[in-house]
Every structure is written in C-alpha cells, then in structure tokens.
Amino acid sequence: MAFLPWHDRYNVGHAELDTQHQQLFELVNHFDDVIPMGMPAELGLIVDDLIRITRAHFTFEETLMQNHGFPGMAEHTKMHGELIRQLQDMRVRMSAGGHESSKSIARFLADWLTNHILREDMAYRPYLKG
C-alpha cells in the first residue's frame, strides 16, 4: 500500500488539476519509497522534481482561479508561495546535510498536500463549475 494513497475525495472536479494532484501524490510516494534505500542524492532529485512540478501546478491553478473569478485567490496564491519557500529551504538543508529526517519530510509533504487540497483547493471548486 502506498504511503499516501489517492482517494476520490481529493478530486476538485477539474480533470487536469486532479491529474496534477495525483502526480504530486506519486512524487511524495516515490520519495517515501526511496527513504529506506539510503540514497540522499536521489531524495534530493525527487524534491527538485517536486519543486518544479509544484511550481507549474500552482501557475496553472492560479490561472484557473483568476479566469473563474475565485475571490480567495490572493490568500491562496500566498499559501502557494509559502510552500515553495518551504520546499526550497528543505532542499537547501538536505544539500547541506541537515539533520531533518527524510521520514519527517515525507510526513510534512503528505500532510501539506492532503490538507491543502481538502481545505483550500475545495474552496475554488464551485467557481470552476460555475
């Protein structure tokens, strides 16, 4: 069983966004799968991919929010920026041999992703349909 299984409750009702969210789940699961292998360089590459793909996802999502008149866009975009900063800081600490455990990073990523989708992304769902 995957560390972070995908459930239909994470669907926001937009096929491309849901596919992108599933891709993020896959990256977090891949990160978790590599932890026991003791390959810090590979974990760093996965975080690099996560940063790159998350940025592209956020750009796409913010464009949709703007095009559909989502009133909470400014706050939502601010959260996106904060996560990117956290991911970049995490990556720097990993490169510097920081003492943050890989498992705690995986838990942070899983918690952030699921909570953000269920709480924040679901708020724009009605605007995408309307």
C-alpha atoms as a PDB file:
ATOM      1  CA  MET A   1       0.000   0.000   0.000  1.00  0.00           C
ATOM      2  CA  ALA A   2       1.228   3.468  -0.860  1.00  0.00           C
ATOM      3  CA  PHE A   3       2.392   5.798   1.874  1.00  0.00           C
ATOM      4  CA  LEU A   4      -0.036   8.415   0.550  1.00  0.00           C
ATOM      5  CA  PRO A   5      -2.933   6.751  -1.277  1.00  0.00           C
ATOM      6  CA  TRP A   6      -5.109   8.739  -3.657  1.00  0.00           C
ATOM      7  CA  HIS A   7      -8.817   8.860  -2.825  1.00  0.00           C
ATOM      8  CA  ASP A   8     -11.701  10.296  -4.810  1.00  0.00           C
ATOM      9  CA  ARG A   9     -12.301  12.793  -2.002  1.00  0.00           C
ATOM     10  CA  TYR A  10      -9.236  14.668  -3.315  1.00  0.00           C
ATOM     11  CA  ASN A  11     -10.865  15.312  -6.707  1.00  0.00           C
ATOM     12  CA  VAL A  12     -11.574  19.005  -7.230  1.00  0.00           C
ATOM     13  CA  GLY A  13     -13.680  18.306 -10.306  1.00  0.00           C
ATOM     14  CA  HIS A  14     -11.260  19.568 -12.935  1.00  0.00           C
ATOM     15  CA  ALA A  15      -9.565  16.758 -14.875  1.00  0.00           C
ATOM     16  CA  GLU A  16      -6.203  18.496 -15.373  1.00  0.00           C
ATOM     17  CA  LEU A  17      -5.966  19.677 -11.754  1.00  0.00           C
ATOM     18  CA  ASP A  18      -6.879  16.226 -10.483  1.00  0.00           C
ATOM     19  CA  THR A  19      -4.218  14.665 -12.716  1.00  0.00           C
ATOM     20  CA  GLN A  20      -1.640  17.153 -11.448  1.00  0.00           C
ATOM     21  CA  HIS A  21      -2.604  16.457  -7.836  1.00  0.00           C
ATOM     22  CA  GLN A  22      -2.237  12.718  -8.481  1.00  0.00           C
ATOM     23  CA  GLN A  23       1.228  13.349  -9.913  1.00  0.00           C
ATOM     24  CA  LEU A  24       2.185  15.179  -6.719  1.00  0.00           C
ATOM     25  CA  PHE A  25       0.911  12.210  -4.694  1.00  0.00           C
ATOM     26  CA  GLU A  26       3.081   9.919  -6.824  1.00  0.00           C
ATOM     27  CA  LEU A  27       6.168  12.045  -6.164  1.00  0.00           C
ATOM     28  CA  VAL A  28       5.566  12.023  -2.402  1.00  0.00           C
ATOM     29  CA  ASN A  29       5.116   8.237  -2.549  1.00  0.00           C
ATOM     30  CA  HIS A  30       8.300   7.891  -4.596  1.00  0.00           C
ATOM     31  CA  PHE A  31      10.161   9.990  -2.026  1.00  0.00           C
ATOM     32  CA  ASP A  32       8.874   7.721   0.748  1.00  0.00           C
ATOM     33  CA  ASP A  33       9.797   4.587  -1.239  1.00  0.00           C
ATOM     34  CA  VAL A  34      13.401   5.763  -1.665  1.00  0.00           C
ATOM     35  CA  ILE A  35      13.956   6.604   2.035  1.00  0.00           C
ATOM     36  CA  PRO A  36      14.822   3.033   3.116  1.00  0.00           C
ATOM     37  CA  MET A  37      17.305   2.729   0.254  1.00  0.00           C
ATOM     38  CA  GLY A  38      19.577   5.306   1.875  1.00  0.00           C
ATOM     39  CA  MET A  39      20.050   7.353  -1.290  1.00  0.00           C
ATOM     40  CA  PRO A  40      20.157  11.019  -0.229  1.00  0.00           C
ATOM     41  CA  ALA A  41      21.119  12.237  -3.709  1.00  0.00           C
ATOM     42  CA  GLU A  42      18.038  10.543  -5.184  1.00  0.00           C
ATOM     43  CA  LEU A  43      15.846  12.064  -2.474  1.00  0.00           C
ATOM     44  CA  GLY A  44      17.234  15.474  -3.400  1.00  0.00           C
ATOM     45  CA  LEU A  45      16.406  14.897  -7.062  1.00  0.00           C
ATOM     46  CA  ILE A  46      12.857  13.941  -6.122  1.00  0.00           C
ATOM     47  CA  VAL A  47      12.491  17.176  -4.134  1.00  0.00           C
ATOM     48  CA  ASP A  48      13.878  19.071  -7.148  1.00  0.00           C
ATOM     49  CA  ASP A  49      11.171  17.448  -9.292  1.00  0.00           C
ATOM     50  CA  LEU A  50       8.575  18.209  -6.651  1.00  0.00           C
ATOM     51  CA  ILE A  51       9.546  21.895  -6.635  1.00  0.00           C
ATOM     52  CA  ARG A  52       9.494  22.124 -10.434  1.00  0.00           C
ATOM     53  CA  ILE A  53       6.181  20.298 -10.844  1.00  0.00           C
ATOM     54  CA  THR A  54       4.573  22.130  -7.915  1.00  0.00           C
ATOM     55  CA  ARG A  55       5.510  25.499  -9.412  1.00  0.00           C
ATOM     56  CA  ALA A  56       3.960  24.538 -12.749  1.00  0.00           C
ATOM     57  CA  HIS A  57       0.867  23.210 -10.980  1.00  0.00           C
ATOM     58  CA  PHE A  58       0.468  26.392  -8.935  1.00  0.00           C
ATOM     59  CA  THR A  59       0.787  28.548 -12.054  1.00  0.00           C
ATOM     60  CA  PHE A  60      -1.907  26.502 -13.787  1.00  0.00           C
ATOM     61  CA  GLU A  61      -4.167  26.532 -10.727  1.00  0.00           C
ATOM     62  CA  GLU A  62      -3.767  30.288 -10.176  1.00  0.00           C
ATOM     63  CA  THR A  63      -4.619  30.974 -13.818  1.00  0.00           C
ATOM     64  CA  LEU A  64      -7.804  28.946 -13.441  1.00  0.00           C
ATOM     65  CA  MET A  65      -8.712  30.742 -10.215  1.00  0.00           C
ATOM     66  CA  GLN A  66      -8.203  34.100 -11.907  1.00  0.00           C
ATOM     67  CA  ASN A  67     -10.167  33.111 -15.023  1.00  0.00           C
ATOM     68  CA  HIS A  68     -13.071  31.855 -12.905  1.00  0.00           C
ATOM     69  CA  GLY A  69     -13.173  34.825 -10.534  1.00  0.00           C
ATOM     70  CA  PHE A  70     -12.255  32.994  -7.334  1.00  0.00           C
ATOM     71  CA  PRO A  71     -12.386  35.676  -4.613  1.00  0.00           C
ATOM     72  CA  GLY A  72      -9.892  33.889  -2.348  1.00  0.00           C
ATOM     73  CA  MET A  73      -7.160  33.890  -4.962  1.00  0.00           C
ATOM     74  CA  ALA A  74      -4.800  36.343  -3.212  1.00  0.00           C
ATOM     75  CA  GLU A  75      -4.689  34.319   0.009  1.00  0.00           C
ATOM     76  CA  HIS A  76      -4.460  31.047  -1.904  1.00  0.00           C
ATOM     77  CA  THR A  77      -1.559  32.349  -4.003  1.00  0.00           C
ATOM     78  CA  LYS A  78       0.188  33.478  -0.816  1.00  0.00           C
ATOM     79  CA  MET A  79      -0.044  29.907   0.531  1.00  0.00           C
ATOM     80  CA  HIS A  80       1.456  28.622  -2.696  1.00  0.00           C
ATOM     81  CA  GLY A  81       4.413  30.980  -2.346  1.00  0.00           C
ATOM     82  CA  GLU A  82       4.965  29.878   1.244  1.00  0.00           C
ATOM     83  CA  LEU A  83       5.042  26.210   0.285  1.00  0.00           C
ATOM     84  CA  ILE A  84       7.548  26.856  -2.497  1.00  0.00           C
ATOM     85  CA  ARG A  85       9.758  28.696   0.014  1.00  0.00           C
ATOM     86  CA  GLN A  86       9.443  25.800   2.462  1.00  0.00           C
ATOM     87  CA  LEU A  87      10.353  23.279  -0.235  1.00  0.00           C
ATOM     88  CA  GLN A  88      13.353  25.342  -1.326  1.00  0.00           C
ATOM     89  CA  ASP A  89      14.537  25.717   2.278  1.00  0.00           C
ATOM     90  CA  MET A  90      14.102  21.990   2.804  1.00  0.00           C
ATOM     91  CA  ARG A  91      16.144  21.290  -0.316  1.00  0.00           C
ATOM     92  CA  VAL A  92      18.946  23.603   0.854  1.00  0.00           C
ATOM     93  CA  ARG A  93      19.020  21.872   4.249  1.00  0.00           C
ATOM     94  CA  MET A  94      19.121  18.469   2.547  1.00  0.00           C
ATOM     95  CA  SER A  95      22.035  19.573   0.345  1.00  0.00           C
ATOM     96  CA  ALA A  96      23.895  20.915   3.361  1.00  0.00           C
ATOM     97  CA  GLY A  97      23.469  17.621   5.204  1.00  0.00           C
ATOM     98  CA  GLY A  98      20.830  18.945   7.566  1.00  0.00           C
ATOM     99  CA  HIS A  99      19.580  16.719  10.330  1.00  0.00           C
ATOM    100  CA  GLU A 100      15.910  16.770   9.397  1.00  0.00           C
ATOM    101  CA  SER A 101      14.826  13.166   8.907  1.00  0.00           C
ATOM    102  CA  SER A 102      13.633  12.088   5.487  1.00  0.00           C
ATOM    103  CA  LYS A 103      10.579  10.496   7.090  1.00  0.00           C
ATOM    104  CA  SER A 104       9.600  13.815   8.686  1.00  0.00           C
ATOM    105  CA  ILE A 105       9.941  15.471   5.274  1.00  0.00           C
ATOM    106  CA  ALA A 106       7.668  12.812   3.744  1.00  0.00           C
ATOM    107  CA  ARG A 107       5.094  13.356   6.504  1.00  0.00           C
ATOM    108  CA  PHE A 108       5.249  17.141   6.021  1.00  0.00           C
ATOM    109  CA  LEU A 109       4.716  16.755   2.271  1.00  0.00           C
ATOM    110  CA  ALA A 110       1.820  14.331   2.737  1.00  0.00           C
ATOM    111  CA  ASP A 111       0.128  16.462   5.391  1.00  0.00           C
ATOM    112  CA  TRP A 112       0.536  19.670   3.430  1.00  0.00           C
ATOM    113  CA  LEU A 113      -0.704  18.158   0.177  1.00  0.00           C
ATOM    114  CA  THR A 114      -3.794  16.469   1.606  1.00  0.00           C
ATOM    115  CA  ASN A 115      -4.768  19.361   3.870  1.00  0.00           C
ATOM    116  CA  HIS A 116      -4.243  21.938   1.134  1.00  0.00           C
ATOM    117  CA  ILE A 117      -6.414  20.039  -1.334  1.00  0.00           C
ATOM    118  CA  LEU A 118      -9.178  19.242   1.154  1.00  0.00           C
ATOM    119  CA  ARG A 119      -9.330  22.673   2.784  1.00  0.00           C
ATOM    120  CA  GLU A 120      -8.020  25.240   0.347  1.00  0.00           C
ATOM    121  CA  ASP A 121      -8.468  23.785  -3.136  1.00  0.00           C
ATOM    122  CA  MET A 122     -12.004  22.625  -2.450  1.00  0.00           C
ATOM    123  CA  ALA A 123     -12.907  26.280  -1.824  1.00  0.00           C
ATOM    124  CA  TYR A 124     -12.467  27.130  -5.525  1.00  0.00           C
ATOM    125  CA  ARG A 125     -14.278  24.013  -6.763  1.00  0.00           C
ATOM    126  CA  PRO A 126     -17.699  25.735  -7.077  1.00  0.00           C
ATOM    127  CA  TYR A 127     -16.126  28.536  -9.124  1.00  0.00           C
ATOM    128  CA  LEU A 128     -14.654  26.087 -11.630  1.00  0.00           C
ATOM    129  CA  LYS A 129     -18.085  24.548 -12.137  1.00  0.00           C
ATOM    130  CA  GLY A 130     -19.942  27.843 -12.205  1.00  0.00           C
END
